Each structure stands twice: as structure tokens, then as C-alpha cells.
Amino acid sequence: MKKLTILFDADDTVENLSDCWIAMLNERYGTSVTPEDVHGWDISLAFPTLTKEQIFGVLHDDELWRRITPIPGSVEVLQKLYDEGHQLYMVTASSYHTCKTKVERLLELFPFLDWEHIIFACNKQMVRGDVLIDDAPHNLVGGEYAKILFDRPHNRSFDHVAHDALRVNTWEEIDQVIHSYLL
């Protein structure tokens, strides 16, 4: 079996950042936004009564990172791929204020990974791999890898076909794609 270098995003791809972020904003400010109300990359459009500081300030709260949990199937599929000998790299964009707390939590959730398997990059097209799994459309434009778009409410308007990306809804689908088409 061919061994792949598999790149995957963290937030909203292997863990549920947006769900927790939205829930914390609702708790703090009495709003009632759901993840389905976020139709694009700019979450602030779903919270018109809040300032950018209120919205993005939550990202600097350690409580947010303690709340995140794995997307169903992500731990199991990544563990399987790791056990099969594929090289796994979590490629994530993160503020330097949050990276320590975020990574500590991610390593708790994905104990088969370590710091050497985490790459911080805002321009993921600069990172080499065989496949990138991500929820952010801008990370799937360009890049020299097979592209898998993890479906989330905020990326549903992205024309994945025009950018040679495959849209998937579950980690089980990702496992099937990797084993059926990429190996």
C-alpha cells in the first residue's frame, strides 16, 4: 500500500471550534445564533450586534479550547491512517496567543499525534502533501495536493467542483476516499 502524506486542518475539520465559539458568544451576550446561521467565512456577519473585539476575543479564552471535542469519526479515522503508516500533519492557522492552549487540547484529543505533527500556516498552499482535508475554501484554491472539503454550514456556497475539490460530510467518507481513490 502506498504511504501518503495527509494534511488536515484542525478547526471545524477534526474538532468543533465553531459550535463551541458560537455557544460561548450566545452565553455571554444573550444571542441565539446557530452554526447554520453562519453562511460564510466571516462569522461576525451572524452577530451584527456584537463588536469584532467581542466576537474574536472569545478565541483567547482558554475555556473555549477546553470545550472543543472531536468531530465524530475524526479520531478513529486518523488513528487508522496513522496505524497504516501514513504521515499525518495537522496544518492549522492560529494566533500566537492561543496556539499553546489549542495544541495542548488537540494533543489530548488525538494522543497518537505530537508537536512534530503540527504545522502552523496561514497559507496552506505552501505545505507539501498528497492530500489536504479542510473546511476553509481559501485553503483549497491552488495547492499541489488532492483536495477534500469537509462540509460545514459556512462553506456551502463554495464551488468545490470548480476548484477540483471533493466535498465530504463525514470522516467515514474521508476514509473511503483515501482508500478508494488516493491509494
N, C-alpha and C. Protein backbone atom coordinates (compact mmCIF):
# COMPACT_ATOMS: atom_id res chain seq x y z
N MET A 1 0.85 -1.18 0.00
CA MET A 1 0.00 0.00 0.00
C MET A 1 0.89 1.24 0.00
N LYS A 2 0.56 2.18 -0.85
CA LYS A 2 1.27 3.45 -0.92
C LYS A 2 1.06 4.21 0.39
N LYS A 3 2.11 4.83 0.89
CA LYS A 3 2.00 5.64 2.11
C LYS A 3 1.86 7.10 1.70
N LEU A 4 0.85 7.75 2.22
CA LEU A 4 0.54 9.14 1.88
C LEU A 4 0.99 10.09 2.97
N THR A 5 1.24 11.33 2.55
CA THR A 5 1.38 12.43 3.49
C THR A 5 0.03 13.13 3.51
N ILE A 6 -0.67 13.00 4.62
CA ILE A 6 -2.04 13.51 4.74
C ILE A 6 -2.01 14.75 5.62
N LEU A 7 -2.41 15.87 5.03
CA LEU A 7 -2.51 17.14 5.74
C LEU A 7 -3.97 17.34 6.12
N PHE A 8 -4.22 17.80 7.32
CA PHE A 8 -5.60 18.04 7.72
C PHE A 8 -5.66 19.25 8.64
N ASP A 9 -6.72 20.00 8.49
CA ASP A 9 -6.99 21.17 9.30
C ASP A 9 -7.50 20.73 10.67
N ALA A 10 -7.42 21.64 11.63
CA ALA A 10 -7.93 21.36 12.97
C ALA A 10 -9.36 21.89 13.12
N ASP A 11 -9.50 23.21 13.13
CA ASP A 11 -10.76 23.86 13.47
C ASP A 11 -11.86 23.55 12.46
N ASP A 12 -12.93 22.96 12.94
CA ASP A 12 -14.10 22.61 12.14
C ASP A 12 -13.84 21.53 11.10
N THR A 13 -12.70 20.86 11.25
CA THR A 13 -12.41 19.70 10.40
C THR A 13 -12.21 18.46 11.27
N VAL A 14 -11.37 18.56 12.30
CA VAL A 14 -11.24 17.44 13.24
C VAL A 14 -11.87 17.75 14.59
N GLU A 15 -12.13 19.03 14.85
CA GLU A 15 -12.80 19.42 16.10
C GLU A 15 -13.81 20.51 15.82
N ASN A 16 -14.70 20.73 16.79
CA ASN A 16 -15.90 21.55 16.59
C ASN A 16 -15.76 22.99 17.09
N LEU A 17 -14.72 23.68 16.67
CA LEU A 17 -14.49 25.04 17.15
C LEU A 17 -15.70 25.95 16.96
N SER A 18 -16.25 26.03 15.77
CA SER A 18 -17.35 26.98 15.52
C SER A 18 -18.54 26.73 16.42
N ASP A 19 -18.89 25.47 16.64
CA ASP A 19 -20.02 25.16 17.52
C ASP A 19 -19.77 25.71 18.92
N CYS A 20 -18.57 25.51 19.44
CA CYS A 20 -18.24 25.98 20.80
C CYS A 20 -18.12 27.50 20.84
N TRP A 21 -17.54 28.08 19.82
CA TRP A 21 -17.38 29.53 19.73
C TRP A 21 -18.75 30.21 19.72
N ILE A 22 -19.64 29.72 18.87
CA ILE A 22 -20.99 30.29 18.78
C ILE A 22 -21.73 30.11 20.10
N ALA A 23 -21.61 28.95 20.71
CA ALA A 23 -22.28 28.71 22.00
C ALA A 23 -21.77 29.68 23.07
N MET A 24 -20.47 29.91 23.12
CA MET A 24 -19.93 30.84 24.12
C MET A 24 -20.39 32.27 23.87
N LEU A 25 -20.45 32.67 22.60
CA LEU A 25 -20.96 34.01 22.28
C LEU A 25 -22.41 34.14 22.70
N ASN A 26 -23.22 33.12 22.42
CA ASN A 26 -24.63 33.15 22.83
C ASN A 26 -24.76 33.25 24.34
N GLU A 27 -23.94 32.49 25.08
CA GLU A 27 -23.99 32.53 26.55
C GLU A 27 -23.58 33.90 27.09
N ARG A 28 -22.54 34.46 26.53
CA ARG A 28 -22.01 35.74 27.04
C ARG A 28 -22.89 36.93 26.71
N TYR A 29 -23.45 36.91 25.50
CA TYR A 29 -24.11 38.13 25.01
C TYR A 29 -25.61 37.97 24.75
N GLY A 30 -26.18 36.83 25.13
CA GLY A 30 -27.62 36.64 25.01
C GLY A 30 -28.12 36.55 23.59
N THR A 31 -27.27 36.15 22.67
CA THR A 31 -27.69 35.97 21.28
C THR A 31 -28.21 34.55 21.10
N SER A 32 -28.77 34.27 19.94
CA SER A 32 -29.31 32.92 19.69
C SER A 32 -28.93 32.44 18.29
N VAL A 33 -27.68 32.60 17.94
CA VAL A 33 -27.16 32.19 16.64
C VAL A 33 -26.86 30.69 16.67
N THR A 34 -27.10 30.02 15.56
CA THR A 34 -26.74 28.60 15.43
C THR A 34 -25.64 28.49 14.36
N PRO A 35 -24.92 27.39 14.32
CA PRO A 35 -23.93 27.22 13.26
C PRO A 35 -24.54 27.32 11.86
N GLU A 36 -25.78 26.91 11.71
CA GLU A 36 -26.45 27.00 10.41
C GLU A 36 -26.69 28.45 9.97
N ASP A 37 -26.61 29.40 10.91
CA ASP A 37 -26.80 30.81 10.59
C ASP A 37 -25.54 31.45 10.01
N VAL A 38 -24.43 30.76 10.07
CA VAL A 38 -23.16 31.30 9.56
C VAL A 38 -22.99 30.78 8.14
N HIS A 39 -23.14 31.71 7.17
CA HIS A 39 -23.17 31.31 5.76
C HIS A 39 -21.88 31.59 5.01
N GLY A 40 -20.88 32.09 5.67
CA GLY A 40 -19.61 32.38 5.01
C GLY A 40 -18.49 32.36 6.02
N TRP A 41 -17.31 32.72 5.55
CA TRP A 41 -16.12 32.64 6.39
C TRP A 41 -16.14 33.67 7.51
N ASP A 42 -16.81 34.81 7.32
CA ASP A 42 -16.82 35.89 8.32
C ASP A 42 -17.95 35.67 9.32
N ILE A 43 -17.62 35.07 10.44
CA ILE A 43 -18.60 34.74 11.48
C ILE A 43 -19.27 35.99 12.05
N SER A 44 -18.60 37.12 11.98
CA SER A 44 -19.16 38.35 12.56
C SER A 44 -20.46 38.77 11.88
N LEU A 45 -20.67 38.37 10.64
CA LEU A 45 -21.92 38.73 9.94
C LEU A 45 -23.14 38.10 10.60
N ALA A 46 -22.95 37.01 11.32
CA ALA A 46 -24.06 36.35 12.02
C ALA A 46 -24.33 36.98 13.38
N PHE A 47 -23.46 37.88 13.81
CA PHE A 47 -23.59 38.56 15.11
C PHE A 47 -23.54 40.07 14.91
N PRO A 48 -24.54 40.65 14.23
CA PRO A 48 -24.47 42.08 13.88
C PRO A 48 -24.48 43.03 15.08
N THR A 49 -24.94 42.57 16.24
CA THR A 49 -24.98 43.46 17.41
C THR A 49 -23.69 43.42 18.22
N LEU A 50 -22.75 42.56 17.86
CA LEU A 50 -21.51 42.43 18.62
C LEU A 50 -20.36 43.09 17.87
N THR A 51 -19.39 43.56 18.62
CA THR A 51 -18.19 44.12 18.01
C THR A 51 -17.23 43.00 17.62
N LYS A 52 -16.30 43.31 16.76
CA LYS A 52 -15.28 42.32 16.38
C LYS A 52 -14.48 41.89 17.61
N GLU A 53 -14.23 42.83 18.53
CA GLU A 53 -13.49 42.50 19.75
C GLU A 53 -14.25 41.49 20.59
N GLN A 54 -15.57 41.66 20.71
CA GLN A 54 -16.37 40.69 21.47
C GLN A 54 -16.34 39.32 20.80
N ILE A 55 -16.50 39.31 19.49
CA ILE A 55 -16.56 38.04 18.76
C ILE A 55 -15.23 37.31 18.80
N PHE A 56 -14.17 37.99 18.43
CA PHE A 56 -12.87 37.32 18.31
C PHE A 56 -12.14 37.22 19.64
N GLY A 57 -12.56 37.99 20.64
CA GLY A 57 -11.97 37.88 21.96
C GLY A 57 -12.19 36.51 22.59
N VAL A 58 -13.28 35.86 22.25
CA VAL A 58 -13.57 34.53 22.78
C VAL A 58 -12.47 33.53 22.40
N LEU A 59 -11.84 33.74 21.26
CA LEU A 59 -10.78 32.83 20.82
C LEU A 59 -9.58 32.84 21.76
N HIS A 60 -9.46 33.89 22.57
CA HIS A 60 -8.34 34.00 23.51
C HIS A 60 -8.69 33.47 24.89
N ASP A 61 -9.88 32.93 25.03
CA ASP A 61 -10.34 32.38 26.31
C ASP A 61 -10.01 30.89 26.36
N ASP A 62 -9.20 30.49 27.32
CA ASP A 62 -8.82 29.07 27.44
C ASP A 62 -10.03 28.15 27.58
N GLU A 63 -11.12 28.68 28.15
CA GLU A 63 -12.33 27.86 28.31
C GLU A 63 -12.85 27.37 26.96
N LEU A 64 -12.75 28.19 25.93
CA LEU A 64 -13.18 27.78 24.60
C LEU A 64 -12.44 26.52 24.17
N TRP A 65 -11.15 26.50 24.33
CA TRP A 65 -10.34 25.37 23.87
C TRP A 65 -10.58 24.13 24.73
N ARG A 66 -10.95 24.33 25.99
CA ARG A 66 -11.28 23.17 26.83
C ARG A 66 -12.61 22.54 26.40
N ARG A 67 -13.47 23.34 25.78
CA ARG A 67 -14.79 22.84 25.35
C ARG A 67 -14.77 22.05 24.06
N ILE A 68 -13.79 22.27 23.22
CA ILE A 68 -13.83 21.62 21.90
C ILE A 68 -13.77 20.10 22.05
N THR A 69 -14.47 19.44 21.15
CA THR A 69 -14.48 17.98 21.11
C THR A 69 -14.25 17.53 19.66
N PRO A 70 -13.85 16.29 19.48
CA PRO A 70 -13.60 15.82 18.11
C PRO A 70 -14.88 15.77 17.28
N ILE A 71 -14.74 16.05 16.00
CA ILE A 71 -15.82 15.79 15.04
C ILE A 71 -15.99 14.26 15.01
N PRO A 72 -17.23 13.77 15.04
CA PRO A 72 -17.44 12.31 15.04
C PRO A 72 -16.65 11.61 13.93
N GLY A 73 -15.95 10.58 14.31
CA GLY A 73 -15.18 9.77 13.37
C GLY A 73 -13.76 10.24 13.13
N SER A 74 -13.44 11.48 13.49
CA SER A 74 -12.11 12.00 13.17
C SER A 74 -11.00 11.26 13.91
N VAL A 75 -11.19 11.00 15.19
CA VAL A 75 -10.15 10.31 15.95
C VAL A 75 -9.93 8.90 15.39
N GLU A 76 -11.01 8.19 15.15
CA GLU A 76 -10.92 6.81 14.69
C GLU A 76 -10.26 6.71 13.31
N VAL A 77 -10.68 7.57 12.39
CA VAL A 77 -10.12 7.51 11.03
C VAL A 77 -8.66 7.93 11.03
N LEU A 78 -8.33 9.00 11.74
CA LEU A 78 -6.93 9.42 11.78
C LEU A 78 -6.05 8.38 12.48
N GLN A 79 -6.57 7.76 13.53
CA GLN A 79 -5.81 6.69 14.20
C GLN A 79 -5.56 5.54 13.24
N LYS A 80 -6.58 5.18 12.47
CA LYS A 80 -6.44 4.09 11.49
C LYS A 80 -5.38 4.44 10.44
N LEU A 81 -5.43 5.66 9.93
CA LEU A 81 -4.46 6.09 8.92
C LEU A 81 -3.04 6.11 9.50
N TYR A 82 -2.93 6.55 10.73
CA TYR A 82 -1.64 6.56 11.43
C TYR A 82 -1.12 5.12 11.58
N ASP A 83 -1.99 4.23 12.02
CA ASP A 83 -1.61 2.83 12.21
C ASP A 83 -1.20 2.16 10.90
N GLU A 84 -1.76 2.63 9.78
CA GLU A 84 -1.41 2.10 8.46
C GLU A 84 -0.07 2.64 7.96
N GLY A 85 0.51 3.58 8.69
CA GLY A 85 1.82 4.10 8.33
C GLY A 85 1.83 5.37 7.51
N HIS A 86 0.68 5.99 7.33
CA HIS A 86 0.65 7.27 6.61
C HIS A 86 1.23 8.36 7.49
N GLN A 87 1.84 9.37 6.86
CA GLN A 87 2.35 10.52 7.60
C GLN A 87 1.20 11.51 7.77
N LEU A 88 0.89 11.85 9.01
CA LEU A 88 -0.21 12.77 9.32
C LEU A 88 0.36 14.08 9.85
N TYR A 89 -0.15 15.19 9.28
CA TYR A 89 0.24 16.51 9.76
C TYR A 89 -1.00 17.38 9.89
N MET A 90 -1.22 17.86 11.10
CA MET A 90 -2.28 18.83 11.33
C MET A 90 -1.72 20.19 10.91
N VAL A 91 -2.37 20.83 9.96
CA VAL A 91 -1.93 22.13 9.46
C VAL A 91 -3.01 23.13 9.84
N THR A 92 -2.66 24.05 10.71
CA THR A 92 -3.67 24.96 11.26
C THR A 92 -3.15 26.38 11.32
N ALA A 93 -4.03 27.32 11.09
CA ALA A 93 -3.71 28.73 11.29
C ALA A 93 -4.16 29.07 12.70
N SER A 94 -3.32 29.78 13.42
CA SER A 94 -3.66 30.08 14.80
C SER A 94 -2.96 31.34 15.25
N SER A 95 -3.60 32.07 16.11
CA SER A 95 -2.97 33.23 16.73
C SER A 95 -1.91 32.75 17.70
N TYR A 96 -0.82 33.48 17.80
CA TYR A 96 0.22 33.08 18.75
C TYR A 96 -0.28 33.13 20.18
N HIS A 97 -1.36 33.87 20.43
CA HIS A 97 -1.93 33.95 21.77
C HIS A 97 -2.61 32.64 22.18
N THR A 98 -3.09 31.89 21.20
CA THR A 98 -3.89 30.70 21.51
C THR A 98 -3.20 29.38 21.18
N CYS A 99 -2.07 29.43 20.49
CA CYS A 99 -1.53 28.16 19.96
C CYS A 99 -1.16 27.17 21.05
N LYS A 100 -0.62 27.60 22.17
CA LYS A 100 -0.23 26.64 23.22
C LYS A 100 -1.46 25.91 23.78
N THR A 101 -2.47 26.67 24.17
CA THR A 101 -3.68 26.07 24.75
C THR A 101 -4.39 25.20 23.72
N LYS A 102 -4.48 25.69 22.50
CA LYS A 102 -5.14 24.95 21.43
C LYS A 102 -4.44 23.61 21.18
N VAL A 103 -3.12 23.66 21.02
CA VAL A 103 -2.38 22.44 20.71
C VAL A 103 -2.41 21.46 21.87
N GLU A 104 -2.30 21.95 23.09
CA GLU A 104 -2.39 21.05 24.24
C GLU A 104 -3.71 20.28 24.22
N ARG A 105 -4.80 20.99 23.92
CA ARG A 105 -6.10 20.32 23.86
C ARG A 105 -6.16 19.33 22.70
N LEU A 106 -5.66 19.73 21.55
CA LEU A 106 -5.69 18.84 20.39
C LEU A 106 -4.87 17.57 20.64
N LEU A 107 -3.76 17.70 21.33
CA LEU A 107 -2.94 16.52 21.63
C LEU A 107 -3.63 15.61 22.65
N GLU A 108 -4.48 16.18 23.50
CA GLU A 108 -5.30 15.34 24.39
C GLU A 108 -6.32 14.55 23.58
N LEU A 109 -6.94 15.23 22.61
CA LEU A 109 -7.98 14.60 21.81
C LEU A 109 -7.42 13.58 20.81
N PHE A 110 -6.20 13.83 20.33
CA PHE A 110 -5.56 12.99 19.32
C PHE A 110 -4.20 12.53 19.85
N PRO A 111 -4.19 11.61 20.83
CA PRO A 111 -2.97 11.27 21.55
C PRO A 111 -1.89 10.57 20.71
N PHE A 112 -2.22 10.12 19.52
CA PHE A 112 -1.23 9.49 18.65
C PHE A 112 -0.41 10.53 17.89
N LEU A 113 -0.78 11.80 18.01
CA LEU A 113 -0.01 12.89 17.40
C LEU A 113 0.88 13.53 18.45
N ASP A 114 1.88 14.27 17.99
CA ASP A 114 2.71 15.06 18.90
C ASP A 114 3.04 16.39 18.22
N TRP A 115 3.79 17.24 18.92
CA TRP A 115 4.10 18.58 18.39
C TRP A 115 4.75 18.51 17.02
N GLU A 116 5.51 17.46 16.75
CA GLU A 116 6.19 17.33 15.46
C GLU A 116 5.22 17.09 14.31
N HIS A 117 3.97 16.78 14.63
CA HIS A 117 2.96 16.54 13.60
C HIS A 117 2.02 17.73 13.43
N ILE A 118 2.41 18.89 13.95
CA ILE A 118 1.58 20.09 13.85
C ILE A 118 2.35 21.17 13.13
N ILE A 119 1.73 21.74 12.11
CA ILE A 119 2.33 22.80 11.32
C ILE A 119 1.41 24.00 11.40
N PHE A 120 1.96 25.15 11.80
CA PHE A 120 1.19 26.39 11.80
C PHE A 120 1.44 27.10 10.48
N ALA A 121 0.37 27.35 9.74
CA ALA A 121 0.49 28.00 8.44
C ALA A 121 -0.82 28.68 8.07
N CYS A 122 -0.73 29.94 7.70
CA CYS A 122 -1.91 30.64 7.19
C CYS A 122 -2.08 30.37 5.70
N ASN A 123 -0.97 30.17 4.99
CA ASN A 123 -1.02 29.86 3.57
C ASN A 123 -0.70 28.38 3.41
N LYS A 124 -1.73 27.56 3.48
CA LYS A 124 -1.53 26.11 3.46
C LYS A 124 -1.04 25.60 2.11
N GLN A 125 -1.17 26.43 1.07
CA GLN A 125 -0.67 26.04 -0.24
C GLN A 125 0.85 25.89 -0.25
N MET A 126 1.52 26.44 0.75
CA MET A 126 2.98 26.34 0.86
C MET A 126 3.43 25.00 1.44
N VAL A 127 2.50 24.24 1.99
CA VAL A 127 2.84 22.98 2.65
C VAL A 127 2.66 21.84 1.64
N ARG A 128 3.63 20.94 1.60
CA ARG A 128 3.57 19.82 0.66
C ARG A 128 2.92 18.59 1.30
N GLY A 129 2.09 17.94 0.52
CA GLY A 129 1.46 16.71 0.96
C GLY A 129 0.72 16.09 -0.20
N ASP A 130 0.19 14.91 0.02
CA ASP A 130 -0.58 14.24 -1.03
C ASP A 130 -2.04 14.66 -1.03
N VAL A 131 -2.56 15.02 0.14
CA VAL A 131 -3.96 15.39 0.27
C VAL A 131 -4.10 16.41 1.39
N LEU A 132 -5.04 17.35 1.22
CA LEU A 132 -5.40 18.29 2.29
C LEU A 132 -6.89 18.14 2.55
N ILE A 133 -7.23 17.95 3.82
CA ILE A 133 -8.62 17.88 4.27
C ILE A 133 -8.87 19.16 5.05
N ASP A 134 -9.82 19.98 4.62
CA ASP A 134 -10.01 21.29 5.24
C ASP A 134 -11.45 21.75 5.04
N ASP A 135 -11.91 22.64 5.92
CA ASP A 135 -13.24 23.22 5.78
C ASP A 135 -13.18 24.61 5.16
N ALA A 136 -11.99 25.18 5.04
CA ALA A 136 -11.85 26.56 4.57
C ALA A 136 -11.63 26.59 3.06
N PRO A 137 -12.56 27.17 2.32
CA PRO A 137 -12.42 27.20 0.87
C PRO A 137 -11.11 27.81 0.38
N HIS A 138 -10.64 28.88 1.03
CA HIS A 138 -9.42 29.54 0.55
C HIS A 138 -8.20 28.63 0.63
N ASN A 139 -8.24 27.61 1.47
CA ASN A 139 -7.11 26.67 1.55
C ASN A 139 -7.14 25.63 0.44
N LEU A 140 -8.25 25.54 -0.26
CA LEU A 140 -8.39 24.55 -1.32
C LEU A 140 -8.27 25.16 -2.71
N VAL A 141 -7.96 26.44 -2.77
CA VAL A 141 -7.71 27.11 -4.04
C VAL A 141 -6.20 27.08 -4.26
N GLY A 142 -5.78 26.42 -5.32
CA GLY A 142 -4.34 26.22 -5.54
C GLY A 142 -3.87 25.05 -4.70
N GLY A 143 -2.59 24.97 -4.51
CA GLY A 143 -2.04 23.87 -3.73
C GLY A 143 -1.81 22.65 -4.60
N GLU A 144 -0.74 21.95 -4.33
CA GLU A 144 -0.37 20.77 -5.12
C GLU A 144 -0.67 19.50 -4.33
N TYR A 145 -1.94 19.28 -4.06
CA TYR A 145 -2.39 18.11 -3.31
C TYR A 145 -3.83 17.83 -3.70
N ALA A 146 -4.27 16.62 -3.46
CA ALA A 146 -5.69 16.31 -3.64
C ALA A 146 -6.45 17.08 -2.57
N LYS A 147 -7.62 17.58 -2.92
CA LYS A 147 -8.36 18.47 -2.03
C LYS A 147 -9.66 17.81 -1.58
N ILE A 148 -9.84 17.75 -0.26
CA ILE A 148 -11.08 17.24 0.31
C ILE A 148 -11.67 18.35 1.17
N LEU A 149 -12.86 18.81 0.80
CA LEU A 149 -13.56 19.85 1.54
C LEU A 149 -14.50 19.20 2.55
N PHE A 150 -14.26 19.48 3.83
CA PHE A 150 -15.14 18.97 4.87
C PHE A 150 -16.33 19.91 4.98
N ASP A 151 -17.51 19.41 4.69
CA ASP A 151 -18.72 20.23 4.63
C ASP A 151 -19.07 20.83 5.99
N ARG A 152 -19.28 22.14 5.98
CA ARG A 152 -19.73 22.88 7.15
C ARG A 152 -20.68 23.96 6.64
N PRO A 153 -21.58 24.46 7.50
CA PRO A 153 -22.52 25.49 7.04
C PRO A 153 -21.83 26.69 6.39
N HIS A 154 -20.68 27.08 6.91
CA HIS A 154 -20.01 28.28 6.41
C HIS A 154 -19.32 28.09 5.05
N ASN A 155 -19.25 26.87 4.52
CA ASN A 155 -18.58 26.69 3.21
C ASN A 155 -19.52 26.17 2.12
N ARG A 156 -20.80 26.17 2.39
CA ARG A 156 -21.73 25.54 1.44
C ARG A 156 -21.89 26.31 0.13
N SER A 157 -21.53 27.59 0.11
CA SER A 157 -21.63 28.34 -1.14
C SER A 157 -20.37 28.20 -2.01
N PHE A 158 -19.35 27.54 -1.50
CA PHE A 158 -18.10 27.36 -2.25
C PHE A 158 -18.28 26.33 -3.35
N ASP A 159 -17.88 26.70 -4.56
CA ASP A 159 -17.97 25.80 -5.71
C ASP A 159 -16.75 24.88 -5.70
N HIS A 160 -16.87 23.80 -4.96
CA HIS A 160 -15.74 22.88 -4.81
C HIS A 160 -15.36 22.20 -6.13
N VAL A 161 -16.33 21.97 -6.99
CA VAL A 161 -16.05 21.31 -8.27
C VAL A 161 -15.13 22.18 -9.12
N ALA A 162 -15.37 23.48 -9.13
CA ALA A 162 -14.54 24.39 -9.92
C ALA A 162 -13.09 24.42 -9.43
N HIS A 163 -12.87 23.99 -8.22
CA HIS A 163 -11.52 24.01 -7.65
C HIS A 163 -10.96 22.60 -7.42
N ASP A 164 -11.53 21.63 -8.14
CA ASP A 164 -11.06 20.24 -8.09
C ASP A 164 -11.03 19.67 -6.68
N ALA A 165 -12.01 20.03 -5.88
CA ALA A 165 -12.11 19.51 -4.52
C ALA A 165 -13.30 18.57 -4.42
N LEU A 166 -13.19 17.61 -3.56
CA LEU A 166 -14.28 16.68 -3.30
C LEU A 166 -14.91 17.06 -1.97
N ARG A 167 -16.21 17.29 -1.95
CA ARG A 167 -16.92 17.64 -0.71
C ARG A 167 -17.36 16.36 -0.01
N VAL A 168 -17.06 16.28 1.29
CA VAL A 168 -17.48 15.13 2.10
C VAL A 168 -18.21 15.64 3.34
N ASN A 169 -19.04 14.78 3.90
CA ASN A 169 -19.83 15.15 5.08
C ASN A 169 -19.37 14.48 6.37
N THR A 170 -18.62 13.39 6.24
CA THR A 170 -18.21 12.64 7.43
C THR A 170 -16.77 12.16 7.29
N TRP A 171 -16.19 11.80 8.43
CA TRP A 171 -14.85 11.22 8.41
C TRP A 171 -14.86 9.82 7.82
N GLU A 172 -15.97 9.13 7.89
CA GLU A 172 -16.06 7.82 7.26
C GLU A 172 -15.94 7.97 5.74
N GLU A 173 -16.53 9.04 5.18
CA GLU A 173 -16.38 9.31 3.75
C GLU A 173 -14.93 9.62 3.41
N ILE A 174 -14.26 10.37 4.28
CA ILE A 174 -12.85 10.68 4.06
C ILE A 174 -12.04 9.39 3.99
N ASP A 175 -12.30 8.48 4.91
CA ASP A 175 -11.60 7.19 4.92
C ASP A 175 -11.83 6.46 3.60
N GLN A 176 -13.07 6.45 3.13
CA GLN A 176 -13.39 5.78 1.86
C GLN A 176 -12.67 6.44 0.69
N VAL A 177 -12.66 7.76 0.66
CA VAL A 177 -11.99 8.49 -0.43
C VAL A 177 -10.51 8.16 -0.45
N ILE A 178 -9.88 8.22 0.69
CA ILE A 178 -8.44 7.95 0.75
C ILE A 178 -8.14 6.52 0.31
N HIS A 179 -8.91 5.57 0.77
CA HIS A 179 -8.64 4.17 0.44
C HIS A 179 -9.11 3.77 -0.96
N SER A 180 -10.12 4.42 -1.49
CA SER A 180 -10.65 4.05 -2.80
C SER A 180 -9.99 4.79 -3.96
N TYR A 181 -9.68 6.06 -3.74
CA TYR A 181 -9.24 6.89 -4.86
C TYR A 181 -7.78 7.30 -4.80
N LEU A 182 -7.25 7.45 -3.61
CA LEU A 182 -5.91 8.02 -3.49
C LEU A 182 -4.82 6.97 -3.31
N LEU A 183 -5.18 5.78 -2.91
CA LEU A 183 -4.15 4.75 -2.71
C LEU A 183 -4.01 3.87 -3.94
